[in-house]
């Protein structure tokens, strides 16, 4: 398959998504974070 420059940014976003998800799960499991803190952070981003 021939890779074009227009296709590359989307491919980079998709491939990094899995790694970020794994890092987030490890962070949440290893470091104690109160659920209210996570909810406040999620609401503030939206």
Protein backbone atom coordinates (compact mmCIF):
# COMPACT_ATOMS: atom_id res chain seq x y z
CA UNK A 1 0.00 0.00 0.00
CA UNK A 2 1.27 3.44 -0.86
CA UNK A 3 1.33 5.86 2.09
CA UNK A 4 0.53 9.48 1.34
CA UNK A 5 1.25 12.48 3.53
CA UNK A 6 -2.49 13.15 3.87
CA UNK A 7 -2.99 9.69 5.40
CA UNK A 8 -0.09 9.91 7.87
CA UNK A 9 -1.55 12.25 10.56
CA UNK A 10 -4.68 10.12 10.92
CA UNK A 11 -2.60 6.95 11.19
CA UNK A 12 -0.44 8.49 13.92
CA UNK A 13 -3.53 9.50 15.92
CA UNK A 14 -5.03 6.02 15.72
CA UNK A 15 -1.83 4.22 16.67
CA UNK A 16 -1.21 6.42 19.71
CA UNK A 17 -4.76 5.98 21.02
CA UNK A 18 -4.16 2.43 22.27
CA UNK A 19 -0.96 3.41 24.05
CA UNK A 20 -2.62 6.37 25.79
CA UNK A 21 -5.51 4.14 26.87
CA UNK A 22 -3.11 1.60 28.39
CA UNK A 23 -1.21 4.37 30.19
CA UNK A 24 -4.45 5.79 31.59
CA UNK A 25 -5.58 2.40 32.90
CA UNK A 26 -2.21 1.80 34.57
CA UNK A 27 -2.26 5.29 36.09
CA UNK A 28 -5.78 4.89 37.48
CA UNK A 29 -5.02 1.44 38.94
CA UNK A 30 -1.61 2.28 40.45
CA UNK A 31 -2.26 5.78 41.78
CA UNK A 32 -5.23 6.33 44.06
CA UNK A 33 -7.48 8.97 42.57
CA UNK A 34 -10.85 9.75 44.08
CA UNK A 35 -13.78 9.25 41.71
CA UNK A 36 -14.99 12.81 42.31
CA UNK A 37 -11.62 14.11 41.09
CA UNK A 38 -11.89 12.10 37.87
CA UNK A 39 -15.45 13.32 37.30
CA UNK A 40 -14.48 16.96 37.86
CA UNK A 41 -11.56 16.62 35.44
CA UNK A 42 -13.76 15.01 32.78
CA UNK A 43 -16.44 17.69 33.13
CA UNK A 44 -13.90 20.52 33.01
CA UNK A 45 -12.47 19.22 29.72
CA UNK A 46 -15.87 19.00 28.05
